[in-house]
PDB file of N, CA and C in Angstrom:
ATOM      1  N   LEU A   1     139.241 -25.809 -10.114  1.00  0.00           N
ATOM      2  CA  LEU A   1     139.395 -27.067 -10.844  1.00  0.00           C
ATOM      3  C   LEU A   1     140.597 -26.932 -11.775  1.00  0.00           C
ATOM      4  N   SER A   2     141.419 -27.940 -11.793  1.00  0.00           N
ATOM      5  CA  SER A   2     142.645 -27.915 -12.587  1.00  0.00           C
ATOM      6  C   SER A   2     142.488 -28.781 -13.836  1.00  0.00           C
ATOM      7  N   ASP A   3     143.273 -28.475 -14.857  1.00  0.00           N
ATOM      8  CA  ASP A   3     143.221 -29.279 -16.079  1.00  0.00           C
ATOM      9  C   ASP A   3     144.365 -30.281 -16.141  1.00  0.00           C
ATOM     10  N   TYR A   4     145.011 -30.536 -15.003  1.00  0.00           N
ATOM     11  CA  TYR A   4     146.069 -31.536 -14.962  1.00  0.00           C
ATOM     12  C   TYR A   4     146.065 -32.225 -13.604  1.00  0.00           C
ATOM     13  N   CYS A   5     146.758 -33.340 -13.542  1.00  0.00           N
ATOM     14  CA  CYS A   5     146.881 -34.094 -12.299  1.00  0.00           C
ATOM     15  C   CYS A   5     148.363 -34.292 -12.008  1.00  0.00           C
ATOM     16  N   LEU A   6     148.759 -34.000 -10.785  1.00  0.00           N
ATOM     17  CA  LEU A   6     150.133 -34.199 -10.349  1.00  0.00           C
ATOM     18  C   LEU A   6     150.121 -35.207  -9.211  1.00  0.00           C
ATOM     19  N   SER A   7     150.923 -36.231  -9.341  1.00  0.00           N
ATOM     20  CA  SER A   7     151.024 -37.268  -8.312  1.00  0.00           C
ATOM     21  C   SER A   7     152.473 -37.358  -7.859  1.00  0.00           C
ATOM     22  N   LYS A   8     152.699 -37.107  -6.587  1.00  0.00           N
ATOM     23  CA  LYS A   8     154.056 -37.169  -6.036  1.00  0.00           C
ATOM     24  C   LYS A   8     154.070 -38.211  -4.920  1.00  0.00           C
ATOM     25  N   GLU A   9     154.541 -39.385  -5.266  1.00  0.00           N
ATOM     26  CA  GLU A   9     154.649 -40.508  -4.341  1.00  0.00           C
ATOM     27  C   GLU A   9     153.298 -40.895  -3.722  1.00  0.00           C
ATOM     28  N   GLU A  10     152.211 -40.632  -4.434  1.00  0.00           N
ATOM     29  CA  GLU A  10     150.889 -40.991  -3.929  1.00  0.00           C
ATOM     30  C   GLU A  10     150.571 -42.462  -4.160  1.00  0.00           C
ATOM     31  N   HIS A  11     151.074 -43.015  -5.245  1.00  0.00           N
ATOM     32  CA  HIS A  11     150.797 -44.414  -5.574  1.00  0.00           C
ATOM     33  C   HIS A  11     152.008 -45.303  -5.373  1.00  0.00           C
ATOM     34  N   GLU A  12     153.184 -44.718  -5.529  1.00  0.00           N
ATOM     35  CA  GLU A  12     154.418 -45.492  -5.376  1.00  0.00           C
ATOM     36  C   GLU A  12     155.531 -44.571  -4.880  1.00  0.00           C
ATOM     37  N   LEU A  13     156.232 -45.010  -3.865  1.00  0.00           N
ATOM     38  CA  LEU A  13     157.330 -44.217  -3.326  1.00  0.00           C
ATOM     39  C   LEU A  13     158.404 -44.005  -4.390  1.00  0.00           C
ATOM     40  N   GLY A  14     158.899 -42.784  -4.475  1.00  0.00           N
ATOM     41  CA  GLY A  14     159.965 -42.473  -5.410  1.00  0.00           C
ATOM     42  C   GLY A  14     159.510 -42.128  -6.811  1.00  0.00           C
ATOM     43  N   VAL A  15     158.188 -42.051  -7.037  1.00  0.00           N
ATOM     44  CA  VAL A  15     157.671 -41.769  -8.379  1.00  0.00           C
ATOM     45  C   VAL A  15     156.862 -40.474  -8.353  1.00  0.00           C
ATOM     46  N   ILE A  16     157.115 -39.623  -9.345  1.00  0.00           N
ATOM     47  CA  ILE A  16     156.343 -38.400  -9.538  1.00  0.00           C
ATOM     48  C   ILE A  16     155.817 -38.411 -10.971  1.00  0.00           C
ATOM     49  N   ALA A  17     154.582 -37.946 -11.153  1.00  0.00           N
ATOM     50  CA  ALA A  17     153.979 -37.978 -12.488  1.00  0.00           C
ATOM     51  C   ALA A  17     153.041 -36.794 -12.667  1.00  0.00           C
ATOM     52  N   ILE A  18     152.852 -36.429 -13.923  1.00  0.00           N
ATOM     53  CA  ILE A  18     151.907 -35.376 -14.276  1.00  0.00           C
ATOM     54  C   ILE A  18     151.117 -35.864 -15.485  1.00  0.00           C
ATOM     55  N   ALA A  19     149.827 -35.517 -15.542  1.00  0.00           N
ATOM     56  CA  ALA A  19     148.973 -36.001 -16.626  1.00  0.00           C
ATOM     57  C   ALA A  19     147.955 -34.941 -17.018  1.00  0.00           C
ATOM     58  N   VAL A  20     147.532 -34.999 -18.276  1.00  0.00           N
ATOM     59  CA  VAL A  20     146.470 -34.128 -18.787  1.00  0.00           C
ATOM     60  C   VAL A  20     145.477 -34.989 -19.557  1.00  0.00           C
ATOM     61  N   PRO A  21     144.211 -34.566 -19.592  1.00  0.00           N
ATOM     62  CA  PRO A  21     143.231 -35.312 -20.372  1.00  0.00           C
ATOM     63  C   PRO A  21     143.337 -34.982 -21.860  1.00  0.00           C
ATOM     64  N   VAL A  22     142.959 -35.939 -22.672  1.00  0.00           N
ATOM     65  CA  VAL A  22     142.769 -35.713 -24.105  1.00  0.00           C
ATOM     66  C   VAL A  22     141.260 -35.669 -24.304  1.00  0.00           C
ATOM     67  N   LEU A  23     140.769 -34.547 -24.801  1.00  0.00           N
ATOM     68  CA  LEU A  23     139.335 -34.348 -24.959  1.00  0.00           C
ATOM     69  C   LEU A  23     138.916 -34.529 -26.408  1.00  0.00           C
ATOM     70  N   ASN A  24     137.673 -34.986 -26.602  1.00  0.00           N
ATOM     71  CA  ASN A  24     137.140 -35.049 -27.959  1.00  0.00           C
ATOM     72  C   ASN A  24     136.494 -33.706 -28.293  1.00  0.00           C
ATOM     73  N   ALA A  25     135.880 -33.601 -29.454  1.00  0.00           N
ATOM     74  CA  ALA A  25     135.297 -32.338 -29.903  1.00  0.00           C
ATOM     75  C   ALA A  25     134.179 -31.851 -28.987  1.00  0.00           C
ATOM     76  N   GLN A  26     133.550 -32.766 -28.262  1.00  0.00           N
ATOM     77  CA  GLN A  26     132.476 -32.405 -27.336  1.00  0.00           C
ATOM     78  C   GLN A  26     133.002 -32.053 -25.941  1.00  0.00           C
ATOM     79  N   GLY A  27     134.313 -32.114 -25.759  1.00  0.00           N
ATOM     80  CA  GLY A  27     134.908 -31.787 -24.474  1.00  0.00           C
ATOM     81  C   GLY A  27     134.934 -32.922 -23.479  1.00  0.00           C
ATOM     82  N   LYS A  28     134.657 -34.135 -23.937  1.00  0.00           N
ATOM     83  CA  LYS A  28     134.662 -35.308 -23.065  1.00  0.00           C
ATOM     84  C   LYS A  28     136.056 -35.937 -23.060  1.00  0.00           C
ATOM     85  N   ALA A  29     136.533 -36.277 -21.877  1.00  0.00           N
ATOM     86  CA  ALA A  29     137.841 -36.927 -21.763  1.00  0.00           C
ATOM     87  C   ALA A  29     137.757 -38.341 -22.320  1.00  0.00           C
ATOM     88  N   ILE A  30     138.620 -38.632 -23.293  1.00  0.00           N
ATOM     89  CA  ILE A  30     138.612 -39.955 -23.915  1.00  0.00           C
ATOM     90  C   ILE A  30     139.936 -40.688 -23.729  1.00  0.00           C
ATOM     91  N   ALA A  31     140.939 -39.962 -23.238  1.00  0.00           N
ATOM     92  CA  ALA A  31     142.259 -40.557 -23.007  1.00  0.00           C
ATOM     93  C   ALA A  31     143.047 -39.604 -22.113  1.00  0.00           C
ATOM     94  N   ALA A  32     144.274 -39.981 -21.823  1.00  0.00           N
ATOM     95  CA  ALA A  32     145.149 -39.110 -21.033  1.00  0.00           C
ATOM     96  C   ALA A  32     146.584 -39.267 -21.514  1.00  0.00           C
ATOM     97  N   LEU A  33     147.348 -38.212 -21.336  1.00  0.00           N
ATOM     98  CA  LEU A  33     148.786 -38.237 -21.603  1.00  0.00           C
ATOM     99  C   LEU A  33     149.487 -38.000 -20.280  1.00  0.00           C
ATOM    100  N   ASN A  34     150.562 -38.736 -20.036  1.00  0.00           N
ATOM    101  CA  ASN A  34     151.284 -38.516 -18.785  1.00  0.00           C
ATOM    102  C   ASN A  34     152.780 -38.625 -18.989  1.00  0.00           C
ATOM    103  N   CYS A  35     153.479 -38.122 -18.007  1.00  0.00           N
ATOM    104  CA  CYS A  35     154.929 -38.213 -17.947  1.00  0.00           C
ATOM    105  C   CYS A  35     155.286 -38.524 -16.506  1.00  0.00           C
ATOM    106  N   MET A  36     156.145 -39.506 -16.317  1.00  0.00           N
ATOM    107  CA  MET A  36     156.527 -39.862 -14.953  1.00  0.00           C
ATOM    108  C   MET A  36     158.033 -40.028 -14.844  1.00  0.00           C
ATOM    109  N   SER A  37     158.534 -39.866 -13.625  1.00  0.00           N
ATOM    110  CA  SER A  37     159.963 -39.974 -13.376  1.00  0.00           C
ATOM    111  C   SER A  37     160.180 -40.331 -11.912  1.00  0.00           C
ATOM    112  N   GLN A  38     161.433 -40.426 -11.560  1.00  0.00           N
ATOM    113  CA  GLN A  38     161.799 -40.663 -10.167  1.00  0.00           C
ATOM    114  C   GLN A  38     161.891 -39.318  -9.452  1.00  0.00           C
ATOM    115  N   THR A  39     161.445 -39.286  -8.205  1.00  0.00           N
ATOM    116  CA  THR A  39     161.452 -38.028  -7.457  1.00  0.00           C
ATOM    117  C   THR A  39     162.860 -37.494  -7.223  1.00  0.00           C
ATOM    118  N   ASN A  40     163.850 -38.355  -7.230  1.00  0.00           N
ATOM    119  CA  ASN A  40     165.220 -37.876  -7.023  1.00  0.00           C
ATOM    120  C   ASN A  40     165.850 -37.340  -8.310  1.00  0.00           C
ATOM    121  N   ARG A  41     165.134 -37.411  -9.426  1.00  0.00           N
ATOM    122  CA  ARG A  41     165.670 -36.924 -10.707  1.00  0.00           C
ATOM    123  C   ARG A  41     164.936 -35.694 -11.229  1.00  0.00           C
ATOM    124  N   VAL A  42     163.667 -35.532 -10.853  1.00  0.00           N
ATOM    125  CA  VAL A  42     162.844 -34.448 -11.391  1.00  0.00           C
ATOM    126  C   VAL A  42     162.087 -33.774 -10.248  1.00  0.00           C
ATOM    127  N   GLN A  43     162.071 -32.458 -10.278  1.00  0.00           N
ATOM    128  CA  GLN A  43     161.317 -31.718  -9.274  1.00  0.00           C
ATOM    129  C   GLN A  43     159.929 -31.377  -9.801  1.00  0.00           C
ATOM    130  N   GLU A  44     159.000 -31.206  -8.880  1.00  0.00           N
ATOM    131  CA  GLU A  44     157.627 -30.857  -9.219  1.00  0.00           C
ATOM    132  C   GLU A  44     157.571 -29.600 -10.089  1.00  0.00           C
ATOM    133  N   SER A  45     158.368 -28.613  -9.764  1.00  0.00           N
ATOM    134  CA  SER A  45     158.359 -27.358 -10.524  1.00  0.00           C
ATOM    135  C   SER A  45     158.768 -27.575 -11.978  1.00  0.00           C
ATOM    136  N   TYR A  46     159.682 -28.489 -12.237  1.00  0.00           N
ATOM    137  CA  TYR A  46     160.094 -28.787 -13.610  1.00  0.00           C
ATOM    138  C   TYR A  46     158.928 -29.392 -14.389  1.00  0.00           C
ATOM    139  N   LEU A  47     158.221 -30.321 -13.769  1.00  0.00           N
ATOM    140  CA  LEU A  47     157.079 -30.934 -14.449  1.00  0.00           C
ATOM    141  C   LEU A  47     156.023 -29.891 -14.790  1.00  0.00           C
ATOM    142  N   ILE A  48     155.743 -28.998 -13.856  1.00  0.00           N
ATOM    143  CA  ILE A  48     154.708 -27.989 -14.085  1.00  0.00           C
ATOM    144  C   ILE A  48     155.169 -26.934 -15.091  1.00  0.00           C
ATOM    145  N   ASP A  49     156.394 -26.475 -14.966  1.00  0.00           N
ATOM    146  CA  ASP A  49     156.878 -25.381 -15.821  1.00  0.00           C
ATOM    147  C   ASP A  49     157.326 -25.827 -17.211  1.00  0.00           C
ATOM    148  N   GLN A  50     157.909 -27.008 -17.322  1.00  0.00           N
ATOM    149  CA  GLN A  50     158.495 -27.450 -18.586  1.00  0.00           C
ATOM    150  C   GLN A  50     157.694 -28.544 -19.289  1.00  0.00           C
ATOM    151  N   VAL A  51     157.236 -29.529 -18.550  1.00  0.00           N
ATOM    152  CA  VAL A  51     156.569 -30.684 -19.162  1.00  0.00           C
ATOM    153  C   VAL A  51     155.084 -30.422 -19.401  1.00  0.00           C
ATOM    154  N   LEU A  52     154.416 -29.789 -18.454  1.00  0.00           N
ATOM    155  CA  LEU A  52     152.979 -29.544 -18.587  1.00  0.00           C
ATOM    156  C   LEU A  52     152.611 -28.806 -19.872  1.00  0.00           C
ATOM    157  N   PRO A  53     153.310 -27.735 -20.255  1.00  0.00           N
ATOM    158  CA  PRO A  53     152.962 -27.082 -21.522  1.00  0.00           C
ATOM    159  C   PRO A  53     153.077 -28.020 -22.729  1.00  0.00           C
ATOM    160  N   LEU A  54     154.056 -28.900 -22.729  1.00  0.00           N
ATOM    161  CA  LEU A  54     154.203 -29.858 -23.831  1.00  0.00           C
ATOM    162  C   LEU A  54     153.044 -30.846 -23.854  1.00  0.00           C
ATOM    163  N   LEU A  55     152.652 -31.333 -22.681  1.00  0.00           N
ATOM    164  CA  LEU A  55     151.518 -32.258 -22.611  1.00  0.00           C
ATOM    165  C   LEU A  55     150.235 -31.574 -23.069  1.00  0.00           C
ATOM    166  N   ARG A  56     150.025 -30.345 -22.627  1.00  0.00           N
ATOM    167  CA  ARG A  56     148.818 -29.603 -23.034  1.00  0.00           C
ATOM    168  C   ARG A  56     148.788 -29.391 -24.548  1.00  0.00           C
ATOM    169  N   ASN A  57     149.907 -28.992 -25.128  1.00  0.00           N
ATOM    170  CA  ASN A  57     149.963 -28.773 -26.576  1.00  0.00           C
ATOM    171  C   ASN A  57     149.676 -30.053 -27.339  1.00  0.00           C
ATOM    172  N   THR A  58     150.253 -31.150 -26.899  1.00  0.00           N
ATOM    173  CA  THR A  58     150.034 -32.431 -27.565  1.00  0.00           C
ATOM    174  C   THR A  58     148.580 -32.865 -27.433  1.00  0.00           C
ATOM    175  N   ALA A  59     147.992 -32.685 -26.251  1.00  0.00           N
ATOM    176  CA  ALA A  59     146.584 -33.036 -26.053  1.00  0.00           C
ATOM    177  C   ALA A  59     145.688 -32.208 -26.969  1.00  0.00           C
ATOM    178  N   ASN A  60     146.003 -30.924 -27.134  1.00  0.00           N
ATOM    179  CA  ASN A  60     145.220 -30.070 -28.033  1.00  0.00           C
ATOM    180  C   ASN A  60     145.371 -30.497 -29.486  1.00  0.00           C
ATOM    181  N   GLU A  61     146.569 -30.891 -29.880  1.00  0.00           N
ATOM    182  CA  GLU A  61     146.774 -31.378 -31.245  1.00  0.00           C
ATOM    183  C   GLU A  61     145.965 -32.647 -31.484  1.00  0.00           C
ATOM    184  N   LEU A  62     145.962 -33.538 -30.513  1.00  0.00           N
ATOM    185  CA  LEU A  62     145.181 -34.771 -30.650  1.00  0.00           C
ATOM    186  C   LEU A  62     143.690 -34.467 -30.736  1.00  0.00           C
ATOM    187  N   ARG A  63     143.227 -33.499 -29.962  1.00  0.00           N
ATOM    188  CA  ARG A  63     141.807 -33.132 -29.993  1.00  0.00           C
ATOM    189  C   ARG A  63     141.394 -32.693 -31.397  1.00  0.00           C
ATOM    190  N   ASN A  64     142.289 -32.005 -32.076  1.00  0.00           N
ATOM    191  CA  ASN A  64     141.976 -31.508 -33.416  1.00  0.00           C
ATOM    192  C   ASN A  64     141.911 -32.601 -34.469  1.00  0.00           C
ATOM    193  N   ILE A  65     142.514 -33.758 -34.210  1.00  0.00           N
ATOM    194  CA  ILE A  65     142.499 -34.823 -35.223  1.00  0.00           C
ATOM    195  C   ILE A  65     141.602 -35.998 -34.850  1.00  0.00           C
ATOM    196  N   ILE A  66     141.081 -35.987 -33.633  1.00  0.00           N
ATOM    197  CA  ILE A  66     140.205 -37.100 -33.212  1.00  0.00           C
ATOM    198  C   ILE A  66     138.781 -36.802 -33.620  1.00  0.00           C
TER     199      ILE A  66
END
């Protein structure tokens, strides 16, 4: 089971996106953060290696204040 979702042209041609859940103190998903781009501008590896850590950190910060 993964803690993120990656979509590569699954919903719309030419679009790639990555998302993480925002959890509350009980561990329940109450929101999500995502980043999307065009497939000709961003590679999957960039989203996983560079963007995913930022999304995870932000989601954790939000969890601490919600």
